[in-house]
Amino acid sequence: MGGVFGHFERLMALRYMRSRRAEGFISVIAWFSLLGISLGVATLIIVMSVMNGFREELVGRILGLNGHLVIYSNGPQGIEQYDQLTGRIGGFPGIVAVTPQIEGQVMAGANGFASGAVVRGVRWEDLAARKPLWDSLNEPSIERFKKGEAVLIGYELARSLGVKAGDNLSLLSPHGKVTPFGTIPERRVFIIAGLFHVGMHEYDKAFIFMPLADAQSFFDMDRRVTALEIYARTTDGTGVIRENIHQTIGQGLRVYDWRERNKGFLNALIVERNVMFMILSLIILVAGFNIVSSMIMLVRSKNNDIAVLRAMGATKGSILRIFMMTGSSIGLIGTVFGALLGLGFCWNINGIKGVLESLLGTELFAAEVYFLSTLPARVDPQEVTNVIIMALLLSFLSSVYPAWRASRVAPAEALRYD
C-alpha cells in the first residue's frame, strides 16, 4: 500500500477517519458502516461453517450405514455367488470393506401396535463396517445377534411399538409361500437383540438389522443377496473405484455411488447453502451503501479543505487516493474484525451455546429434535477467503464514487464565497 499511497495521502486519510465534533454525525454513520461489514462477514462465516458442519455430519452418518457404493442386480433374482464377487472387489485399492446384504420391506408388530419397516440382513462381523450402528451397540446385543433368530431395531421404532431388548417382535413379509389358496405372507417372530440409536430419525424409526442367514430364509433368497455395500477409505476416490468395479462385475449387475443414491438430498443442501450465502451477503452490501453515504457527506463537508489542497498543488489523483483510502480503510478494518469474530465464534460455538442456554434457561438445539449432541461447525479456509475478498471488494467499490466526486471539486468554485 505504501507504493500506491504516498505519506501525505496516508496522513490525510488517517486524519479524515478520526472523529471530530464538526463531523460527529458523519463519524456515527462511518462507525455503523464498519459495524455492518463486521457483522456481515462474521455472520456469513458462522452460518456457512455451521451448514458445512451439518452437511459433513449428516453425510457421514448416511455413509456410515449405507456405504460409498452399492452393487445391485438388474433383475429381481438377486446376486448369486456373492462371496466370490466380494473377494474380488475387496482387493481393489481404496476399499475398506465389502458387505453382502438382503433388503426387504416388512410390517413389524408388537403389543398390538404395527409399523412399516425395512429389514437389512447382514453378517454380524459386517456390523463393524457401519460405524454409527456399531458404536451404538453394547456387547450383549452383539452376542445375541450372533446367535441368530434375533434382530436389532432402532430406538424410535422400539419406542413406537413399546418394546425393549429381549422382547419378541413379529415380522410380516409380503414375500410369502404360494399355496392353492394364494400367496400367504411369511410371518415370523424374532427376539430383539438390542436397540441402536444412530442419530437420524429415518434410520432409528424404520430400520431393522437381521442376521444374513435368517434374512435369506425369511425372504426366500437362498444363497443370494440383494446388494453388496462397499465402504471406501475416502469419499473422493469413489469415481475411480466405481470404474474398476464396473469393469469387473459384468452385464448383469449395476453399481451406484453415494452421490447418485442421495442426489435429491445433496442437491437440496447445495441450493440451501447458495441461497443462504446470497441472502447474508446483502448485509455486507447494505454496509457498503452506508460507506457510500458517509463518504459523500464527508466529501461535502471537506469541500473547502479539498480546494485548499488543490490550490497548494495536490493533484486530482492525489485527492482521489486520499478518499479511496479513507473509505476502503473502513471496509478493511470491518472485514478483519468480522473475520476474527466469526472464526472465534466457530471455534468456540458449543461453549457459547452452553452460555446462551444457561442465560436463557432453555435448550437451543435439543438432541431429541436435531439428533446432534453438539452443534457442528467446520471452517472451510477457501470459503472464508472468498467472504473476505467479497467484503473488501465491495468496500473498495463503495469508495470509488465518493472519491471521484472529491477529485472533481474545483478550487475556485469552493473558495469563491469564503
Protein backbone atom coordinates (compact mmCIF):
# COMPACT_ATOMS: atom_id res chain seq x y z
CA MET A 1 0.00 0.00 0.00
CA GLY A 2 2.95 2.29 0.66
CA GLY A 3 3.87 2.18 -3.05
CA VAL A 4 0.37 3.20 -4.14
CA PHE A 5 -0.42 5.78 -1.45
CA GLY A 6 2.17 8.38 -0.53
CA HIS A 7 2.95 9.54 3.01
CA PHE A 8 0.93 12.72 2.56
CA GLU A 9 -2.10 10.81 1.28
CA ARG A 10 -1.97 8.29 4.13
CA LEU A 11 -1.66 11.14 6.66
CA MET A 12 -4.68 12.98 5.26
CA ALA A 13 -6.78 9.78 5.04
CA LEU A 14 -5.99 8.97 8.67
CA ARG A 15 -6.95 12.47 9.72
CA TYR A 16 -10.31 12.28 7.94
CA MET A 17 -11.04 8.91 9.60
CA ARG A 18 -10.72 10.40 13.10
CA SER A 19 -13.84 11.55 14.88
CA ARG A 20 -14.21 15.31 15.05
CA ARG A 21 -17.01 17.27 16.71
CA ALA A 22 -17.96 19.05 13.48
CA GLU A 23 -18.39 15.76 11.65
CA GLY A 24 -19.93 13.82 14.53
CA PHE A 25 -22.94 12.61 12.56
CA ILE A 26 -20.73 11.54 9.65
CA SER A 27 -18.49 9.66 12.07
CA VAL A 28 -21.51 7.81 13.51
CA ILE A 29 -22.53 6.66 10.01
CA ALA A 30 -18.97 5.52 9.34
CA TRP A 31 -18.95 3.53 12.58
CA PHE A 32 -22.25 1.90 11.69
CA SER A 33 -20.80 1.03 8.28
CA LEU A 34 -17.81 -0.60 9.93
CA LEU A 35 -20.09 -2.48 12.34
CA GLY A 36 -22.34 -3.60 9.48
CA ILE A 37 -19.44 -5.05 7.49
CA SER A 38 -18.08 -6.76 10.62
CA LEU A 39 -21.44 -8.37 11.42
CA GLY A 40 -21.99 -9.34 7.79
CA VAL A 41 -18.61 -11.05 7.47
CA ALA A 42 -18.94 -12.75 10.87
CA THR A 43 -22.50 -13.94 10.14
CA LEU A 44 -21.50 -15.34 6.74
CA ILE A 45 -18.55 -17.25 8.20
CA ILE A 46 -20.58 -18.61 11.13
CA VAL A 47 -23.63 -19.68 9.11
CA MET A 48 -21.63 -21.25 6.27
CA SER A 49 -19.38 -23.09 8.75
CA VAL A 50 -22.37 -24.46 10.67
CA MET A 51 -24.01 -25.57 7.41
CA ASN A 52 -20.75 -27.27 6.40
CA GLY A 53 -20.70 -28.99 9.78
CA PHE A 54 -24.29 -30.19 9.45
CA ARG A 55 -23.64 -31.45 5.92
CA GLU A 56 -20.50 -33.31 6.98
CA GLU A 57 -22.27 -34.81 9.99
CA LEU A 58 -25.32 -35.94 8.01
CA VAL A 59 -23.32 -37.30 5.06
CA GLY A 60 -21.02 -39.10 7.49
CA ARG A 61 -23.95 -40.83 9.16
CA ILE A 62 -25.58 -41.70 5.84
CA LEU A 63 -22.34 -43.19 4.52
CA GLY A 64 -21.74 -44.93 7.83
CA LEU A 65 -24.89 -47.00 7.30
CA ASN A 66 -25.16 -47.23 3.51
CA GLY A 67 -21.64 -47.38 2.17
CA HIS A 68 -19.96 -45.31 -0.52
CA LEU A 69 -21.02 -47.60 -3.38
CA VAL A 70 -23.59 -50.35 -3.83
CA ILE A 71 -23.97 -53.13 -6.39
CA TYR A 72 -27.46 -54.29 -7.41
CA SER A 73 -28.72 -56.97 -9.74
CA ASN A 74 -30.52 -55.89 -12.91
CA GLY A 75 -33.37 -58.27 -12.09
CA PRO A 76 -35.34 -59.47 -9.05
CA GLN A 77 -33.30 -62.66 -8.76
CA GLY A 78 -30.56 -61.04 -6.67
CA ILE A 79 -26.81 -61.60 -6.70
CA GLU A 80 -25.54 -65.17 -6.78
CA GLN A 81 -22.01 -66.30 -5.84
CA TYR A 82 -21.64 -63.12 -3.86
CA ASP A 83 -18.76 -64.47 -1.77
CA GLN A 84 -16.54 -64.77 -4.84
CA LEU A 85 -17.52 -61.30 -6.04
CA THR A 86 -16.90 -59.88 -2.57
CA GLY A 87 -13.41 -61.36 -2.56
CA ARG A 88 -12.53 -59.88 -5.96
CA ILE A 89 -13.83 -56.40 -5.21
CA GLY A 90 -12.38 -56.31 -1.70
CA GLY A 91 -8.85 -56.36 -3.14
CA PHE A 92 -9.27 -53.08 -5.06
CA PRO A 93 -7.23 -50.11 -3.77
CA GLY A 94 -9.15 -47.71 -1.55
CA ILE A 95 -11.82 -50.20 -0.45
CA VAL A 96 -12.16 -50.82 3.29
CA ALA A 97 -14.99 -53.39 3.35
CA VAL A 98 -17.50 -55.15 1.09
CA THR A 99 -20.62 -56.39 2.88
CA PRO A 100 -23.36 -58.53 1.26
CA GLN A 101 -26.86 -57.72 2.44
CA ILE A 102 -30.51 -58.50 1.86
CA GLU A 103 -33.02 -55.68 2.00
CA GLY A 104 -36.79 -56.02 2.14
CA GLN A 105 -39.88 -54.31 3.49
CA VAL A 106 -41.86 -55.76 6.37
CA MET A 107 -44.63 -54.96 8.79
CA ALA A 108 -43.30 -55.02 12.35
CA GLY A 109 -45.74 -55.63 15.17
CA ALA A 110 -45.74 -55.94 18.96
CA ASN A 111 -48.11 -55.20 21.85
CA GLY A 112 -50.98 -54.56 19.44
CA PHE A 113 -49.04 -51.89 17.53
CA ALA A 114 -47.69 -52.15 13.98
CA SER A 115 -45.29 -50.12 11.86
CA GLY A 116 -43.74 -50.44 8.43
CA ALA A 117 -40.00 -51.09 8.43
CA VAL A 118 -37.05 -52.01 6.24
CA VAL A 119 -35.11 -55.15 7.09
CA ARG A 120 -31.44 -55.39 6.25
CA GLY A 121 -29.89 -58.82 6.52
CA VAL A 122 -26.15 -58.64 7.26
CA ARG A 123 -23.45 -60.82 8.77
CA TRP A 124 -22.67 -59.93 12.36
CA GLU A 125 -18.99 -59.24 11.57
CA ASP A 126 -20.08 -56.71 8.93
CA LEU A 127 -21.81 -54.59 11.56
CA ALA A 128 -18.41 -53.06 12.42
CA ALA A 129 -18.22 -51.50 8.93
CA ARG A 130 -21.30 -49.46 9.84
CA LYS A 131 -19.58 -47.32 12.44
CA PRO A 132 -22.59 -45.29 13.70
CA LEU A 133 -24.51 -48.54 14.19
CA TRP A 134 -21.61 -50.41 15.80
CA ASP A 135 -20.84 -47.55 18.20
CA SER A 136 -24.44 -47.54 19.48
CA LEU A 137 -24.48 -51.27 20.34
CA ASN A 138 -23.32 -52.94 23.53
CA GLU A 139 -21.64 -56.33 23.89
CA PRO A 140 -24.77 -58.31 24.95
CA SER A 141 -26.67 -57.02 21.89
CA ILE A 142 -23.91 -58.18 19.53
CA GLU A 143 -23.70 -61.59 21.22
CA ARG A 144 -27.46 -62.15 20.90
CA PHE A 145 -27.31 -61.07 17.25
CA LYS A 146 -24.51 -63.58 16.55
CA LYS A 147 -26.63 -66.49 17.80
CA GLY A 148 -29.32 -65.87 15.16
CA GLU A 149 -33.11 -65.55 15.27
CA ALA A 150 -32.57 -62.10 16.77
CA VAL A 151 -32.79 -58.61 15.30
CA LEU A 152 -31.53 -55.10 16.05
CA ILE A 153 -34.12 -52.33 15.84
CA GLY A 154 -33.95 -48.56 16.06
CA TYR A 155 -34.66 -46.68 19.25
CA GLU A 156 -37.57 -44.75 17.73
CA LEU A 157 -39.17 -47.90 16.31
CA ALA A 158 -38.86 -49.63 19.68
CA ARG A 159 -40.48 -46.67 21.39
CA SER A 160 -43.41 -46.61 18.96
CA LEU A 161 -44.00 -50.36 19.44
CA GLY A 162 -43.40 -50.31 23.20
CA VAL A 163 -40.66 -52.94 23.17
CA LYS A 164 -37.15 -53.29 24.57
CA ALA A 165 -34.17 -55.60 24.26
CA GLY A 166 -35.17 -59.21 24.97
CA ASP A 167 -38.81 -58.80 23.87
CA ASN A 168 -40.39 -60.58 20.90
CA LEU A 169 -41.02 -58.81 17.60
CA SER A 170 -43.34 -60.14 14.91
CA LEU A 171 -42.31 -59.50 11.28
CA LEU A 172 -44.69 -59.95 8.36
CA SER A 173 -43.19 -60.10 4.86
CA PRO A 174 -45.18 -59.63 1.62
CA HIS A 175 -42.99 -62.32 0.01
CA GLY A 176 -44.78 -65.43 1.24
CA LYS A 177 -45.45 -69.01 0.27
CA VAL A 178 -47.54 -69.85 -2.76
CA THR A 179 -50.46 -72.15 -1.93
CA PRO A 180 -53.56 -73.31 -3.84
CA PHE A 181 -55.42 -70.57 -1.98
CA GLY A 182 -52.98 -67.82 -3.00
CA THR A 183 -49.82 -66.37 -1.56
CA ILE A 184 -49.63 -66.48 2.22
CA PRO A 185 -47.34 -63.75 3.69
CA GLU A 186 -44.38 -65.01 5.66
CA ARG A 187 -44.72 -64.28 9.37
CA ARG A 188 -42.00 -64.96 11.93
CA VAL A 189 -41.24 -63.91 15.49
CA PHE A 190 -37.73 -62.74 16.39
CA ILE A 191 -36.10 -61.79 19.67
CA ILE A 192 -34.94 -58.18 19.90
CA ALA A 193 -31.18 -58.50 20.41
CA GLY A 194 -30.71 -54.79 21.12
CA LEU A 195 -31.58 -51.22 20.22
CA PHE A 196 -29.48 -48.81 18.17
CA HIS A 197 -29.57 -45.03 18.05
CA VAL A 198 -27.55 -43.68 15.09
CA GLY A 199 -28.87 -40.12 15.37
CA MET A 200 -31.01 -39.94 12.21
CA HIS A 201 -34.76 -40.26 12.67
CA GLU A 202 -35.48 -42.14 9.43
CA TYR A 203 -33.00 -44.88 10.36
CA ASP A 204 -33.90 -45.08 14.04
CA LYS A 205 -37.58 -45.25 13.11
CA ALA A 206 -37.67 -47.61 10.13
CA PHE A 207 -34.62 -49.92 10.02
CA ILE A 208 -34.23 -53.43 11.36
CA PHE A 209 -30.98 -55.40 11.10
CA MET A 210 -31.25 -59.19 10.85
CA PRO A 211 -28.57 -61.92 10.56
CA LEU A 212 -27.90 -62.65 6.89
CA ALA A 213 -28.78 -66.35 7.11
CA ASP A 214 -32.12 -65.58 8.78
CA ALA A 215 -32.89 -62.91 6.17
CA GLN A 216 -32.16 -65.35 3.32
CA SER A 217 -34.62 -67.80 4.83
CA PHE A 218 -37.22 -65.14 5.68
CA PHE A 219 -37.21 -63.56 2.19
CA ASP A 220 -36.68 -66.87 0.36
CA MET A 221 -33.29 -65.76 -1.01
CA ASP A 222 -31.31 -68.98 -0.52
CA ARG A 223 -27.60 -68.38 -1.35
CA ARG A 224 -28.42 -64.98 -2.82
CA VAL A 225 -28.32 -61.37 -1.66
CA THR A 226 -29.98 -58.24 -2.99
CA ALA A 227 -26.91 -55.95 -2.85
CA LEU A 228 -23.24 -55.53 -1.98
CA GLU A 229 -22.42 -52.48 0.11
CA ILE A 230 -18.90 -51.12 -0.49
CA TYR A 231 -17.13 -48.89 2.02
CA ALA A 232 -14.26 -46.78 0.67
CA ARG A 233 -11.43 -45.12 2.55
CA THR A 234 -12.46 -41.62 1.40
CA THR A 235 -15.39 -40.09 -0.48
CA ASP A 236 -13.11 -38.50 -3.08
CA GLY A 237 -11.89 -41.75 -4.64
CA THR A 238 -15.28 -43.32 -5.35
CA GLY A 239 -15.16 -42.40 -9.06
CA VAL A 240 -12.04 -44.50 -9.73
CA ILE A 241 -13.34 -47.35 -7.58
CA ARG A 242 -16.66 -47.34 -9.40
CA GLU A 243 -14.94 -47.57 -12.78
CA ASN A 244 -12.83 -50.52 -11.60
CA ILE A 245 -15.91 -52.28 -10.23
CA HIS A 246 -17.91 -51.61 -13.40
CA GLN A 247 -15.24 -53.37 -15.49
CA THR A 248 -15.30 -56.36 -13.12
CA ILE A 249 -18.95 -57.13 -12.35
CA GLY A 250 -20.19 -57.79 -15.90
CA GLN A 251 -23.50 -57.03 -17.59
CA GLY A 252 -25.97 -58.47 -15.08
CA LEU A 253 -25.11 -56.06 -12.29
CA ARG A 254 -25.08 -52.28 -11.84
CA VAL A 255 -23.17 -50.05 -9.43
CA TYR A 256 -24.18 -46.71 -7.87
CA ASP A 257 -22.12 -44.33 -5.77
CA TRP A 258 -23.30 -42.37 -2.73
CA ARG A 259 -23.89 -39.17 -4.71
CA GLU A 260 -26.38 -40.87 -7.05
CA ARG A 261 -28.21 -42.57 -4.19
CA ASN A 262 -28.59 -39.31 -2.25
CA LYS A 263 -28.84 -36.92 -5.19
CA GLY A 264 -32.02 -35.16 -4.05
CA PHE A 265 -30.76 -34.67 -0.51
CA LEU A 266 -27.35 -33.35 -1.63
CA ASN A 267 -28.91 -31.01 -4.20
CA ALA A 268 -31.22 -29.59 -1.53
CA LEU A 269 -28.21 -28.90 0.72
CA ILE A 270 -26.35 -27.15 -2.11
CA VAL A 271 -29.34 -24.98 -3.04
CA GLU A 272 -29.94 -24.05 0.61
CA ARG A 273 -26.26 -23.20 1.07
CA ASN A 274 -26.14 -20.97 -2.02
CA VAL A 275 -29.37 -19.17 -1.13
CA MET A 276 -28.17 -18.52 2.43
CA PHE A 277 -24.90 -17.13 1.09
CA MET A 278 -26.74 -14.75 -1.26
CA ILE A 279 -29.16 -13.57 1.43
CA LEU A 280 -26.49 -12.97 4.06
CA SER A 281 -24.29 -11.18 1.52
CA LEU A 282 -26.94 -8.46 1.46
CA ILE A 283 -25.79 -7.45 4.96
CA ILE A 284 -22.37 -6.55 3.56
CA LEU A 285 -23.99 -4.84 0.57
CA VAL A 286 -26.09 -2.63 2.86
CA ALA A 287 -22.96 -1.77 4.84
CA GLY A 288 -21.33 -0.82 1.53
CA PHE A 289 -24.16 1.64 0.81
CA ASN A 290 -23.57 3.12 4.26
CA ILE A 291 -19.94 3.69 3.30
CA VAL A 292 -21.08 5.49 0.15
CA SER A 293 -23.43 7.78 2.07
CA SER A 294 -20.92 8.57 4.85
CA MET A 295 -18.14 9.25 2.33
CA ILE A 296 -20.33 11.56 0.22
CA MET A 297 -21.25 13.55 3.34
CA LEU A 298 -17.58 13.68 4.33
CA VAL A 299 -16.59 14.97 0.89
CA ARG A 300 -19.24 17.71 1.02
CA SER A 301 -18.11 18.78 4.47
CA LYS A 302 -14.48 18.87 3.30
CA ASN A 303 -15.02 20.85 0.09
CA ASN A 304 -13.02 23.82 1.41
CA ASP A 305 -10.19 21.60 2.61
CA ILE A 306 -10.06 19.88 -0.77
CA ALA A 307 -9.99 23.24 -2.54
CA VAL A 308 -7.10 24.42 -0.37
CA LEU A 309 -5.19 21.21 -1.06
CA ARG A 310 -5.77 21.64 -4.78
CA ALA A 311 -4.65 25.27 -4.64
CA MET A 312 -1.47 24.17 -2.86
CA GLY A 313 -0.65 21.76 -5.68
CA ALA A 314 -2.41 18.49 -4.84
CA THR A 315 -3.47 16.66 -8.00
CA LYS A 316 -6.85 15.12 -8.74
CA GLY A 317 -5.25 11.69 -8.45
CA SER A 318 -3.91 12.53 -5.01
CA ILE A 319 -7.35 13.65 -3.78
CA LEU A 320 -8.88 10.51 -5.32
CA ARG A 321 -6.41 8.26 -3.49
CA ILE A 322 -6.95 10.09 -0.15
CA PHE A 323 -10.69 9.42 -0.11
CA MET A 324 -10.33 5.96 -1.64
CA MET A 325 -8.05 5.08 1.25
CA THR A 326 -10.45 6.60 3.76
CA GLY A 327 -13.45 4.56 2.55
CA SER A 328 -11.50 1.36 1.92
CA SER A 329 -9.97 1.51 5.41
CA ILE A 330 -13.45 1.32 6.93
CA GLY A 331 -14.10 -1.86 4.93
CA LEU A 332 -10.67 -3.30 5.72
CA ILE A 333 -10.97 -2.77 9.48
CA GLY A 334 -14.57 -4.07 9.50
CA THR A 335 -13.64 -7.16 7.44
CA VAL A 336 -10.67 -8.08 9.65
CA PHE A 337 -12.69 -7.62 12.84
CA GLY A 338 -15.64 -9.57 11.39
CA ALA A 339 -13.42 -12.45 10.23
CA LEU A 340 -11.81 -12.73 13.68
CA LEU A 341 -15.23 -12.59 15.34
CA GLY A 342 -16.68 -15.24 13.04
CA LEU A 343 -13.73 -17.62 13.39
CA GLY A 344 -13.67 -17.20 17.16
CA PHE A 345 -17.39 -17.96 17.33
CA CYS A 346 -17.00 -21.10 15.19
CA TRP A 347 -14.08 -22.43 17.22
CA ASN A 348 -15.98 -21.94 20.50
CA ILE A 349 -19.52 -22.48 19.25
CA ASN A 350 -20.52 -25.19 21.73
CA GLY A 351 -19.16 -23.19 24.69
CA ILE A 352 -21.11 -20.12 23.53
CA LYS A 353 -24.19 -22.31 23.03
CA GLY A 354 -23.88 -23.52 26.63
CA VAL A 355 -23.59 -19.97 27.96
CA LEU A 356 -26.66 -18.83 25.98
CA GLU A 357 -28.68 -21.83 27.18
CA SER A 358 -27.79 -21.07 30.81
CA LEU A 359 -28.72 -17.40 30.37
CA LEU A 360 -31.99 -18.09 28.54
CA GLY A 361 -32.90 -21.12 30.63
CA THR A 362 -33.80 -23.22 27.60
CA GLU A 363 -32.17 -25.76 25.30
CA LEU A 364 -31.44 -24.14 21.93
CA PHE A 365 -30.75 -27.32 19.96
CA ALA A 366 -32.47 -30.26 21.64
CA ALA A 367 -30.73 -33.57 20.87
CA GLU A 368 -34.05 -35.40 20.51
CA VAL A 369 -35.12 -32.93 17.81
CA TYR A 370 -31.89 -32.33 15.89
CA PHE A 371 -30.26 -35.70 16.78
CA LEU A 372 -26.95 -33.93 17.45
CA SER A 373 -25.44 -33.75 20.91
CA THR A 374 -23.11 -30.92 19.81
CA LEU A 375 -23.53 -28.14 17.29
CA PRO A 376 -21.16 -28.91 14.41
CA ALA A 377 -19.12 -26.19 12.68
CA ARG A 378 -16.44 -26.83 10.08
CA VAL A 379 -14.48 -23.81 8.87
CA ASP A 380 -13.59 -24.00 5.18
CA PRO A 381 -10.48 -21.82 4.56
CA GLN A 382 -11.40 -21.30 0.91
CA GLU A 383 -14.89 -20.17 1.86
CA VAL A 384 -13.58 -17.76 4.48
CA THR A 385 -11.15 -16.35 1.91
CA ASN A 386 -14.00 -15.81 -0.57
CA VAL A 387 -16.05 -13.96 2.06
CA ILE A 388 -13.11 -11.69 2.94
CA ILE A 389 -12.36 -10.94 -0.72
CA MET A 390 -16.02 -10.15 -1.40
CA ALA A 391 -16.23 -7.78 1.58
CA LEU A 392 -13.00 -6.00 0.62
CA LEU A 393 -14.12 -5.69 -3.00
CA LEU A 394 -17.50 -4.23 -2.03
CA SER A 395 -15.77 -1.77 0.34
CA PHE A 396 -13.40 -0.69 -2.41
CA LEU A 397 -16.19 -0.23 -4.95
CA SER A 398 -18.23 1.73 -2.37
CA SER A 399 -15.37 4.24 -2.10
CA VAL A 400 -14.94 4.83 -5.83
CA TYR A 401 -17.80 7.25 -6.46
CA PRO A 402 -17.30 9.48 -3.36
CA ALA A 403 -13.55 9.64 -4.08
CA TRP A 404 -14.23 10.58 -7.70
CA ARG A 405 -16.60 13.33 -6.53
CA ALA A 406 -13.87 14.66 -4.24
CA SER A 407 -11.34 14.73 -7.08
CA ARG A 408 -13.77 16.79 -9.22
CA VAL A 409 -14.06 19.65 -6.67
CA ALA A 410 -13.00 22.91 -8.38
CA PRO A 411 -10.83 25.12 -6.06
CA ALA A 412 -12.16 28.41 -7.46
CA GLU A 413 -15.82 27.43 -7.02
CA ALA A 414 -15.30 26.07 -3.47
CA LEU A 415 -13.39 29.13 -2.23
CA ARG A 416 -15.42 31.83 -4.04
CA TYR A 417 -17.70 32.63 -1.09
CA ASP A 418 -15.15 32.07 1.72
